């Protein structure tokens, strides 16, 4: 285990009782893929129970680049549970991107566990470069992963290939000056 910051750790394994959440996230990723979306799944837990689930919906039923699995799971959390956000864990098949990392931070989620590292867009690296508001680790989630790379990296490879076919994944054209 390598310490990234006071709140972030790279780990390669989860306790058996938590692996069921990654298993469920993988099931959700396959639902996304079957619908024509990127194979990424996420869920939010509290007190050992699943509060909400989400899967990537960027490509189908219509193109909406902000419909990431973590965002979809956050939208489904019951409103009355938000006072306990710091006790919640987000489990995802893939390290959350910068957008999702920021959203998880602003929602106050206390812990993030991911199956595979997103080598092309993962947001974990920003945790050590946060603005003053987060100074001292206030509001920074514990960041754990990869915890199931052997099962989640193939999903990431397929997600990356699909992403590159989307308008947001295309090579950006140079701006005219």
N, C-alpha and C. Protein backbone atom coordinates (compact mmCIF):
# COMPACT_ATOMS: atom_id res chain seq x y z
N UNK A 1 0.84 -1.16 0.00
CA UNK A 1 0.00 0.00 0.00
C UNK A 1 0.90 1.24 0.00
N UNK A 2 0.64 2.16 -0.92
CA UNK A 2 1.39 3.40 -1.02
C UNK A 2 0.47 4.54 -0.63
N UNK A 3 0.90 5.38 0.28
CA UNK A 3 0.09 6.50 0.73
C UNK A 3 0.20 7.64 -0.28
N UNK A 4 -0.95 8.08 -0.82
CA UNK A 4 -0.97 9.19 -1.77
C UNK A 4 -1.09 10.53 -1.06
N UNK A 5 -1.94 10.60 -0.06
CA UNK A 5 -2.12 11.78 0.77
C UNK A 5 -2.74 11.30 2.07
N UNK A 6 -3.08 12.21 2.95
CA UNK A 6 -3.65 11.78 4.23
C UNK A 6 -4.96 11.03 4.04
N UNK A 7 -5.66 11.23 2.92
CA UNK A 7 -6.96 10.61 2.73
C UNK A 7 -6.96 9.57 1.61
N UNK A 8 -5.89 9.40 0.87
CA UNK A 8 -5.90 8.57 -0.32
C UNK A 8 -4.91 7.43 -0.21
N UNK A 9 -5.38 6.22 -0.51
CA UNK A 9 -4.52 5.06 -0.45
C UNK A 9 -4.72 4.19 -1.68
N UNK A 10 -3.63 3.66 -2.18
CA UNK A 10 -3.70 2.66 -3.24
C UNK A 10 -3.71 1.31 -2.56
N UNK A 11 -4.74 0.53 -2.81
CA UNK A 11 -4.82 -0.81 -2.27
C UNK A 11 -5.17 -1.75 -3.39
N UNK A 12 -4.87 -3.01 -3.18
CA UNK A 12 -5.16 -4.00 -4.21
C UNK A 12 -6.21 -5.01 -3.80
N UNK A 13 -6.74 -4.90 -2.58
CA UNK A 13 -7.72 -5.87 -2.13
C UNK A 13 -8.71 -5.22 -1.18
N UNK A 14 -9.88 -5.78 -1.11
CA UNK A 14 -10.95 -5.35 -0.20
C UNK A 14 -11.32 -6.51 0.69
N UNK A 15 -11.84 -6.22 1.88
CA UNK A 15 -12.39 -7.32 2.69
C UNK A 15 -13.53 -8.00 1.91
N UNK A 16 -13.71 -9.28 2.14
CA UNK A 16 -14.70 -10.07 1.39
C UNK A 16 -16.10 -9.47 1.48
N UNK A 17 -16.46 -8.92 2.65
CA UNK A 17 -17.82 -8.37 2.77
C UNK A 17 -18.03 -7.13 1.90
N UNK A 18 -16.96 -6.45 1.49
CA UNK A 18 -17.09 -5.30 0.61
C UNK A 18 -16.98 -5.66 -0.87
N UNK A 19 -16.41 -6.79 -1.18
CA UNK A 19 -16.29 -7.20 -2.59
C UNK A 19 -17.64 -7.33 -3.27
N UNK A 20 -18.67 -7.61 -2.49
CA UNK A 20 -20.01 -7.75 -3.10
C UNK A 20 -20.46 -6.45 -3.75
N UNK A 21 -19.98 -5.31 -3.23
CA UNK A 21 -20.34 -4.03 -3.83
C UNK A 21 -19.64 -3.82 -5.18
N UNK A 22 -18.40 -4.24 -5.26
CA UNK A 22 -17.70 -4.19 -6.55
C UNK A 22 -18.36 -5.18 -7.52
N UNK A 23 -18.74 -6.35 -7.03
CA UNK A 23 -19.46 -7.31 -7.88
C UNK A 23 -20.73 -6.68 -8.46
N UNK A 24 -21.47 -5.96 -7.60
CA UNK A 24 -22.70 -5.32 -8.06
C UNK A 24 -22.38 -4.21 -9.06
N UNK A 25 -21.32 -3.44 -8.81
CA UNK A 25 -20.93 -2.39 -9.75
C UNK A 25 -20.58 -2.99 -11.11
N UNK A 26 -19.93 -4.15 -11.11
CA UNK A 26 -19.62 -4.83 -12.37
C UNK A 26 -20.91 -5.23 -13.08
N UNK A 27 -21.89 -5.74 -12.35
CA UNK A 27 -23.19 -6.07 -12.95
C UNK A 27 -23.81 -4.83 -13.59
N UNK A 28 -23.75 -3.69 -12.90
CA UNK A 28 -24.30 -2.44 -13.43
C UNK A 28 -23.53 -1.99 -14.67
N UNK A 29 -22.22 -2.20 -14.68
CA UNK A 29 -21.41 -1.85 -15.86
C UNK A 29 -21.86 -2.67 -17.07
N UNK A 30 -22.18 -3.92 -16.85
CA UNK A 30 -22.64 -4.76 -17.95
C UNK A 30 -24.02 -4.34 -18.44
N UNK A 31 -24.87 -3.85 -17.53
CA UNK A 31 -26.16 -3.28 -17.94
C UNK A 31 -25.91 -2.09 -18.86
N UNK A 32 -24.99 -1.21 -18.45
CA UNK A 32 -24.65 -0.04 -19.28
C UNK A 32 -24.18 -0.48 -20.66
N UNK A 33 -23.28 -1.44 -20.69
CA UNK A 33 -22.74 -1.90 -21.97
C UNK A 33 -23.84 -2.50 -22.85
N UNK A 34 -24.74 -3.26 -22.26
CA UNK A 34 -25.84 -3.86 -23.02
C UNK A 34 -26.78 -2.80 -23.59
N UNK A 35 -26.82 -1.62 -22.97
CA UNK A 35 -27.64 -0.52 -23.46
C UNK A 35 -26.91 0.35 -24.48
N UNK A 36 -25.65 0.00 -24.80
CA UNK A 36 -24.88 0.77 -25.76
C UNK A 36 -24.04 1.88 -25.15
N UNK A 37 -23.85 1.83 -23.83
CA UNK A 37 -23.08 2.84 -23.12
C UNK A 37 -21.72 2.30 -22.71
N UNK A 38 -20.92 3.16 -22.11
CA UNK A 38 -19.62 2.73 -21.60
C UNK A 38 -19.84 1.79 -20.42
N UNK A 39 -19.12 0.67 -20.34
CA UNK A 39 -19.32 -0.30 -19.26
C UNK A 39 -18.70 0.17 -17.94
N UNK A 40 -19.42 1.07 -17.28
CA UNK A 40 -19.00 1.59 -15.98
C UNK A 40 -20.21 1.58 -15.08
N UNK A 41 -20.05 1.02 -13.87
CA UNK A 41 -21.14 0.98 -12.90
C UNK A 41 -20.67 1.53 -11.57
N UNK A 42 -21.63 2.07 -10.79
CA UNK A 42 -21.30 2.64 -9.48
C UNK A 42 -22.49 2.50 -8.55
N UNK A 43 -22.21 2.50 -7.27
CA UNK A 43 -23.27 2.50 -6.27
C UNK A 43 -22.79 3.22 -5.03
N UNK A 44 -23.76 3.65 -4.23
CA UNK A 44 -23.48 4.37 -2.99
C UNK A 44 -24.04 3.52 -1.85
N UNK A 45 -23.22 3.33 -0.80
CA UNK A 45 -23.65 2.56 0.35
C UNK A 45 -23.60 3.40 1.62
N UNK A 46 -24.38 2.94 2.60
CA UNK A 46 -24.39 3.52 3.94
C UNK A 46 -24.80 2.43 4.91
N UNK A 47 -24.05 2.28 5.97
CA UNK A 47 -24.35 1.27 7.00
C UNK A 47 -24.49 -0.14 6.41
N UNK A 48 -23.65 -0.46 5.42
CA UNK A 48 -23.66 -1.79 4.85
C UNK A 48 -24.82 -2.08 3.91
N UNK A 49 -25.57 -1.06 3.54
CA UNK A 49 -26.71 -1.21 2.63
C UNK A 49 -26.50 -0.35 1.39
N UNK A 50 -26.98 -0.83 0.26
CA UNK A 50 -26.92 -0.05 -0.97
C UNK A 50 -28.03 1.00 -0.94
N UNK A 51 -27.62 2.28 -1.03
CA UNK A 51 -28.58 3.39 -1.06
C UNK A 51 -29.05 3.69 -2.47
N UNK A 52 -28.12 3.61 -3.42
CA UNK A 52 -28.46 3.97 -4.79
C UNK A 52 -27.47 3.31 -5.75
N UNK A 53 -27.89 3.24 -7.00
CA UNK A 53 -27.07 2.63 -8.04
C UNK A 53 -27.12 3.50 -9.28
N UNK A 54 -26.08 3.39 -10.09
CA UNK A 54 -26.06 4.10 -11.36
C UNK A 54 -25.13 3.40 -12.33
N UNK A 55 -25.35 3.64 -13.59
CA UNK A 55 -24.46 3.13 -14.62
C UNK A 55 -24.35 4.19 -15.70
N UNK A 56 -23.31 4.09 -16.48
CA UNK A 56 -23.04 5.07 -17.51
C UNK A 56 -24.19 5.12 -18.50
N UNK A 57 -24.62 6.34 -18.83
CA UNK A 57 -25.70 6.56 -19.78
C UNK A 57 -25.35 7.68 -20.75
N UNK A 58 -24.06 7.78 -21.07
CA UNK A 58 -23.59 8.87 -21.93
C UNK A 58 -24.08 8.77 -23.37
N UNK A 59 -24.16 7.57 -23.90
CA UNK A 59 -24.44 7.40 -25.33
C UNK A 59 -25.89 7.07 -25.64
N UNK A 60 -26.58 6.43 -24.70
CA UNK A 60 -27.93 5.94 -24.98
C UNK A 60 -28.79 6.13 -23.74
N UNK A 61 -30.01 6.58 -23.86
CA UNK A 61 -30.82 6.64 -25.08
C UNK A 61 -30.50 7.83 -25.98
N UNK A 62 -29.82 8.87 -25.45
CA UNK A 62 -29.36 9.97 -26.29
C UNK A 62 -28.01 10.43 -25.74
N UNK A 63 -27.26 11.09 -26.55
CA UNK A 63 -25.92 11.54 -26.15
C UNK A 63 -26.03 12.63 -25.08
N UNK A 64 -25.51 12.32 -23.90
CA UNK A 64 -25.44 13.27 -22.78
C UNK A 64 -24.12 13.00 -22.06
N UNK A 65 -23.06 13.77 -22.34
CA UNK A 65 -21.74 13.45 -21.83
C UNK A 65 -21.59 13.51 -20.31
N UNK A 66 -22.52 14.11 -19.59
CA UNK A 66 -22.41 14.19 -18.14
C UNK A 66 -23.04 13.04 -17.38
N UNK A 67 -23.60 12.08 -18.09
CA UNK A 67 -24.31 10.99 -17.41
C UNK A 67 -23.37 9.83 -17.06
N UNK A 68 -22.40 10.12 -16.22
CA UNK A 68 -21.46 9.11 -15.74
C UNK A 68 -22.11 8.28 -14.64
N UNK A 69 -21.59 7.09 -14.42
CA UNK A 69 -22.17 6.16 -13.44
C UNK A 69 -22.24 6.77 -12.04
N UNK A 70 -21.16 7.42 -11.61
CA UNK A 70 -21.13 8.00 -10.27
C UNK A 70 -22.17 9.12 -10.13
N UNK A 71 -22.32 9.94 -11.16
CA UNK A 71 -23.30 11.03 -11.14
C UNK A 71 -24.71 10.45 -11.06
N UNK A 72 -24.96 9.40 -11.84
CA UNK A 72 -26.28 8.76 -11.82
C UNK A 72 -26.58 8.17 -10.44
N UNK A 73 -25.58 7.57 -9.81
CA UNK A 73 -25.77 7.02 -8.46
C UNK A 73 -26.02 8.13 -7.45
N UNK A 74 -25.28 9.23 -7.54
CA UNK A 74 -25.49 10.36 -6.63
C UNK A 74 -26.88 10.94 -6.77
N UNK A 75 -27.38 11.05 -8.00
CA UNK A 75 -28.72 11.60 -8.22
C UNK A 75 -29.80 10.75 -7.57
N UNK A 76 -29.53 9.46 -7.37
CA UNK A 76 -30.54 8.54 -6.84
C UNK A 76 -30.50 8.41 -5.31
N UNK A 77 -29.56 9.07 -4.64
CA UNK A 77 -29.50 9.01 -3.18
C UNK A 77 -30.73 9.73 -2.62
N UNK A 78 -31.45 9.09 -1.70
CA UNK A 78 -32.61 9.76 -1.11
C UNK A 78 -32.19 11.06 -0.40
N UNK A 79 -32.93 12.11 -0.63
CA UNK A 79 -32.61 13.44 -0.10
C UNK A 79 -32.39 13.44 1.40
N UNK A 80 -33.19 12.70 2.12
CA UNK A 80 -33.09 12.70 3.59
C UNK A 80 -31.80 12.07 4.10
N UNK A 81 -31.05 11.40 3.23
CA UNK A 81 -29.80 10.75 3.64
C UNK A 81 -28.58 11.66 3.53
N UNK A 82 -28.69 12.80 2.84
CA UNK A 82 -27.53 13.65 2.60
C UNK A 82 -26.83 14.15 3.86
N UNK A 83 -27.51 14.36 4.99
CA UNK A 83 -26.76 14.76 6.19
C UNK A 83 -25.70 13.74 6.62
N UNK A 84 -25.79 12.53 6.12
CA UNK A 84 -24.84 11.48 6.47
C UNK A 84 -23.86 11.18 5.33
N UNK A 85 -23.69 12.10 4.42
CA UNK A 85 -22.84 11.88 3.25
C UNK A 85 -21.43 11.46 3.62
N UNK A 86 -20.87 12.01 4.68
CA UNK A 86 -19.49 11.67 5.04
C UNK A 86 -19.34 10.22 5.47
N UNK A 87 -20.46 9.56 5.76
CA UNK A 87 -20.43 8.15 6.14
C UNK A 87 -20.66 7.23 4.93
N UNK A 88 -20.95 7.81 3.78
CA UNK A 88 -21.26 7.03 2.58
C UNK A 88 -19.99 6.62 1.85
N UNK A 89 -20.10 5.51 1.12
CA UNK A 89 -19.02 5.04 0.24
C UNK A 89 -19.56 4.92 -1.17
N UNK A 90 -18.80 5.41 -2.13
CA UNK A 90 -19.10 5.21 -3.54
C UNK A 90 -18.18 4.10 -4.04
N UNK A 91 -18.77 3.04 -4.57
CA UNK A 91 -18.01 1.96 -5.21
C UNK A 91 -18.21 2.10 -6.71
N UNK A 92 -17.13 2.05 -7.47
CA UNK A 92 -17.20 2.17 -8.91
C UNK A 92 -16.26 1.17 -9.56
N UNK A 93 -16.61 0.74 -10.75
CA UNK A 93 -15.73 -0.18 -11.47
C UNK A 93 -14.47 0.52 -11.94
N UNK A 94 -14.53 1.85 -12.06
CA UNK A 94 -13.41 2.61 -12.60
C UNK A 94 -13.15 3.83 -11.72
N UNK A 95 -11.88 4.16 -11.55
CA UNK A 95 -11.54 5.37 -10.81
C UNK A 95 -12.33 6.55 -11.37
N UNK A 96 -13.03 7.29 -10.53
CA UNK A 96 -13.82 8.41 -11.03
C UNK A 96 -12.97 9.43 -11.77
N UNK A 97 -13.55 10.00 -12.83
CA UNK A 97 -12.88 11.03 -13.61
C UNK A 97 -12.82 12.33 -12.80
N UNK A 98 -12.22 13.34 -13.37
CA UNK A 98 -12.09 14.62 -12.68
C UNK A 98 -13.48 15.20 -12.36
N UNK A 99 -14.41 15.14 -13.32
CA UNK A 99 -15.75 15.67 -13.08
C UNK A 99 -16.42 14.93 -11.92
N UNK A 100 -16.36 13.62 -11.94
CA UNK A 100 -17.01 12.83 -10.89
C UNK A 100 -16.30 13.00 -9.55
N UNK A 101 -14.98 13.11 -9.57
CA UNK A 101 -14.23 13.35 -8.34
C UNK A 101 -14.69 14.66 -7.70
N UNK A 102 -14.79 15.72 -8.50
CA UNK A 102 -15.27 17.00 -7.99
C UNK A 102 -16.68 16.91 -7.44
N UNK A 103 -17.53 16.17 -8.13
CA UNK A 103 -18.92 16.02 -7.68
C UNK A 103 -18.99 15.23 -6.38
N UNK A 104 -18.20 14.18 -6.27
CA UNK A 104 -18.14 13.41 -5.02
C UNK A 104 -17.63 14.28 -3.88
N UNK A 105 -16.62 15.10 -4.15
CA UNK A 105 -16.10 16.03 -3.14
C UNK A 105 -17.19 17.00 -2.67
N UNK A 106 -17.87 17.62 -3.61
CA UNK A 106 -18.88 18.62 -3.27
C UNK A 106 -20.10 18.01 -2.57
N UNK A 107 -20.38 16.76 -2.85
CA UNK A 107 -21.47 16.07 -2.15
C UNK A 107 -21.04 15.61 -0.75
N UNK A 108 -19.74 15.59 -0.49
CA UNK A 108 -19.24 15.21 0.83
C UNK A 108 -19.14 13.72 1.07
N UNK A 109 -19.08 12.93 -0.01
CA UNK A 109 -18.95 11.47 0.14
C UNK A 109 -17.65 11.17 0.87
N UNK A 110 -17.71 10.31 1.88
CA UNK A 110 -16.56 10.08 2.74
C UNK A 110 -15.53 9.09 2.24
N UNK A 111 -15.93 8.25 1.28
CA UNK A 111 -15.02 7.18 0.86
C UNK A 111 -15.34 6.80 -0.57
N UNK A 112 -14.29 6.57 -1.37
CA UNK A 112 -14.44 6.13 -2.76
C UNK A 112 -13.58 4.90 -2.95
N UNK A 113 -14.19 3.84 -3.48
CA UNK A 113 -13.49 2.58 -3.74
C UNK A 113 -13.71 2.24 -5.21
N UNK A 114 -12.62 1.98 -5.94
CA UNK A 114 -12.76 1.71 -7.37
C UNK A 114 -12.03 0.44 -7.77
N UNK A 115 -12.57 -0.20 -8.82
CA UNK A 115 -12.04 -1.47 -9.28
C UNK A 115 -10.77 -1.36 -10.09
N UNK A 116 -10.72 -0.41 -11.04
CA UNK A 116 -9.55 -0.24 -11.92
C UNK A 116 -9.16 1.23 -11.94
N UNK A 117 -7.88 1.48 -12.13
CA UNK A 117 -7.37 2.84 -12.26
C UNK A 117 -7.65 3.35 -13.67
N UNK A 118 -8.16 4.57 -13.75
CA UNK A 118 -8.38 5.22 -15.05
C UNK A 118 -7.09 5.93 -15.43
N UNK A 119 -6.29 5.28 -16.24
CA UNK A 119 -4.98 5.81 -16.62
C UNK A 119 -5.06 6.98 -17.60
N UNK A 120 -6.25 7.22 -18.17
CA UNK A 120 -6.35 8.32 -19.13
C UNK A 120 -7.20 9.48 -18.64
N UNK A 121 -7.85 9.35 -17.51
CA UNK A 121 -8.68 10.46 -17.06
C UNK A 121 -9.09 10.41 -15.60
N UNK A 122 -8.47 9.54 -14.82
CA UNK A 122 -8.82 9.41 -13.41
C UNK A 122 -8.56 10.67 -12.62
N UNK A 123 -9.44 10.94 -11.65
CA UNK A 123 -9.36 12.18 -10.90
C UNK A 123 -8.65 12.11 -9.57
N UNK A 124 -8.18 10.94 -9.16
CA UNK A 124 -7.54 10.82 -7.86
C UNK A 124 -6.36 11.73 -7.64
N UNK A 125 -5.64 12.03 -8.72
CA UNK A 125 -4.45 12.88 -8.59
C UNK A 125 -4.78 14.30 -8.13
N UNK A 126 -6.02 14.75 -8.30
CA UNK A 126 -6.36 16.12 -7.89
C UNK A 126 -6.52 16.25 -6.38
N UNK A 127 -6.65 15.13 -5.68
CA UNK A 127 -6.89 15.19 -4.23
C UNK A 127 -5.75 15.84 -3.47
N UNK A 128 -4.56 15.81 -4.03
CA UNK A 128 -3.42 16.45 -3.37
C UNK A 128 -3.22 17.89 -3.82
N UNK A 129 -4.12 18.39 -4.67
CA UNK A 129 -4.01 19.75 -5.22
C UNK A 129 -5.33 20.51 -5.10
N UNK A 130 -6.00 20.35 -3.98
CA UNK A 130 -7.31 20.97 -3.81
C UNK A 130 -7.20 22.41 -3.32
N UNK A 131 -8.23 23.21 -3.57
CA UNK A 131 -8.23 24.58 -3.07
C UNK A 131 -8.27 24.64 -1.54
N UNK A 132 -8.05 25.82 -1.02
CA UNK A 132 -7.95 26.04 0.42
C UNK A 132 -9.15 25.50 1.20
N UNK A 133 -10.33 25.53 0.63
CA UNK A 133 -11.53 25.03 1.30
C UNK A 133 -11.33 23.62 1.84
N UNK A 134 -10.59 22.81 1.13
CA UNK A 134 -10.38 21.42 1.51
C UNK A 134 -9.09 21.21 2.31
N UNK A 135 -8.37 22.29 2.62
CA UNK A 135 -7.10 22.22 3.32
C UNK A 135 -7.21 21.39 4.60
N UNK A 136 -6.24 20.57 4.86
CA UNK A 136 -6.23 19.74 6.05
C UNK A 136 -7.06 18.49 5.92
N UNK A 137 -7.53 18.19 4.74
CA UNK A 137 -8.28 16.97 4.53
C UNK A 137 -9.77 17.09 4.81
N UNK A 138 -10.26 18.27 5.16
CA UNK A 138 -11.69 18.44 5.42
C UNK A 138 -12.48 18.16 4.15
N UNK A 139 -13.34 17.19 4.21
CA UNK A 139 -14.18 16.88 3.07
C UNK A 139 -13.51 16.04 2.00
N UNK A 140 -12.28 15.64 2.17
CA UNK A 140 -11.60 14.82 1.17
C UNK A 140 -11.91 13.35 1.47
N UNK A 141 -12.46 12.64 0.49
CA UNK A 141 -12.79 11.24 0.75
C UNK A 141 -11.56 10.35 0.83
N UNK A 142 -11.70 9.27 1.56
CA UNK A 142 -10.70 8.21 1.51
C UNK A 142 -10.80 7.64 0.10
N UNK A 143 -9.68 7.42 -0.56
CA UNK A 143 -9.63 7.04 -1.99
C UNK A 143 -8.90 5.72 -2.09
N UNK A 144 -9.63 4.63 -2.35
CA UNK A 144 -9.05 3.29 -2.32
C UNK A 144 -9.17 2.59 -3.66
N UNK A 145 -8.07 2.08 -4.15
CA UNK A 145 -8.11 1.32 -5.37
C UNK A 145 -6.74 1.24 -6.02
N UNK A 146 -6.60 0.42 -7.00
CA UNK A 146 -7.60 -0.46 -7.58
C UNK A 146 -7.80 -1.71 -6.71
N UNK A 147 -9.05 -2.14 -6.59
CA UNK A 147 -9.34 -3.28 -5.72
C UNK A 147 -9.76 -4.53 -6.49
N UNK A 148 -10.01 -4.41 -7.78
CA UNK A 148 -10.41 -5.56 -8.59
C UNK A 148 -9.94 -5.37 -10.02
N UNK A 149 -8.67 -5.02 -10.17
CA UNK A 149 -8.13 -4.69 -11.49
C UNK A 149 -8.30 -5.82 -12.50
N UNK A 150 -8.10 -7.05 -12.07
CA UNK A 150 -8.19 -8.17 -13.01
C UNK A 150 -9.58 -8.29 -13.63
N UNK A 151 -10.62 -7.86 -12.93
CA UNK A 151 -11.99 -7.93 -13.47
C UNK A 151 -12.44 -6.61 -14.06
N UNK A 152 -11.91 -5.50 -13.59
CA UNK A 152 -12.38 -4.18 -14.04
C UNK A 152 -11.55 -3.57 -15.15
N UNK A 153 -10.28 -3.95 -15.30
CA UNK A 153 -9.47 -3.39 -16.40
C UNK A 153 -10.03 -3.75 -17.77
N UNK A 154 -10.55 -4.98 -18.00
CA UNK A 154 -11.17 -5.24 -19.31
C UNK A 154 -12.39 -4.34 -19.57
N UNK A 155 -13.15 -4.03 -18.52
CA UNK A 155 -14.27 -3.10 -18.67
C UNK A 155 -13.74 -1.72 -19.06
N UNK A 156 -12.66 -1.29 -18.40
CA UNK A 156 -12.05 0.01 -18.71
C UNK A 156 -11.58 0.05 -20.17
N UNK A 157 -10.96 -1.02 -20.64
CA UNK A 157 -10.48 -1.05 -22.03
C UNK A 157 -11.66 -0.88 -23.00
N UNK A 158 -12.76 -1.55 -22.72
CA UNK A 158 -13.94 -1.41 -23.58
C UNK A 158 -14.57 -0.03 -23.43
N UNK A 159 -14.56 0.52 -22.22
CA UNK A 159 -15.10 1.87 -22.00
C UNK A 159 -14.28 2.89 -22.77
N UNK A 160 -12.97 2.77 -22.71
CA UNK A 160 -12.10 3.71 -23.41
C UNK A 160 -12.32 3.64 -24.92
N UNK A 161 -12.43 2.44 -25.46
CA UNK A 161 -12.66 2.28 -26.90
C UNK A 161 -13.99 2.92 -27.30
N UNK A 162 -15.03 2.71 -26.51
CA UNK A 162 -16.35 3.29 -26.80
C UNK A 162 -16.29 4.81 -26.65
N UNK A 163 -15.62 5.30 -25.60
CA UNK A 163 -15.51 6.74 -25.36
C UNK A 163 -14.91 7.46 -26.56
N UNK A 164 -13.90 6.86 -27.17
CA UNK A 164 -13.23 7.49 -28.30
C UNK A 164 -14.12 7.64 -29.53
N UNK A 165 -15.25 6.91 -29.55
CA UNK A 165 -16.20 7.04 -30.66
C UNK A 165 -17.22 8.15 -30.42
N UNK A 166 -17.28 8.68 -29.21
CA UNK A 166 -18.26 9.71 -28.86
C UNK A 166 -17.73 11.11 -29.20
N UNK A 167 -18.61 12.08 -29.40
CA UNK A 167 -18.14 13.44 -29.68
C UNK A 167 -17.18 13.98 -28.62
N UNK A 168 -17.42 13.68 -27.34
CA UNK A 168 -16.52 14.18 -26.28
C UNK A 168 -15.20 13.43 -26.26
N UNK A 169 -15.11 12.30 -26.90
CA UNK A 169 -13.89 11.51 -26.89
C UNK A 169 -13.02 11.67 -28.11
N UNK A 170 -13.52 12.41 -29.09
CA UNK A 170 -12.74 12.64 -30.31
C UNK A 170 -11.57 13.55 -30.04
N UNK A 171 -10.57 13.43 -30.87
CA UNK A 171 -9.42 14.33 -30.81
C UNK A 171 -9.92 15.75 -31.03
N UNK A 172 -9.57 16.63 -30.14
CA UNK A 172 -10.01 18.03 -30.26
C UNK A 172 -9.33 18.70 -31.46
N UNK A 173 -10.11 19.46 -32.18
CA UNK A 173 -9.57 20.20 -33.32
C UNK A 173 -8.91 21.48 -32.82
N UNK A 174 -7.78 21.86 -33.41
CA UNK A 174 -7.13 23.12 -33.01
C UNK A 174 -8.06 24.30 -33.28
N UNK A 175 -8.02 25.28 -32.40
CA UNK A 175 -8.82 26.49 -32.58
C UNK A 175 -8.15 27.40 -33.62
N UNK A 176 -8.99 28.05 -34.40
CA UNK A 176 -8.46 29.06 -35.33
C UNK A 176 -8.02 30.26 -34.53
N UNK A 177 -6.86 30.80 -34.86
CA UNK A 177 -6.36 31.97 -34.12
C UNK A 177 -6.47 33.21 -34.93
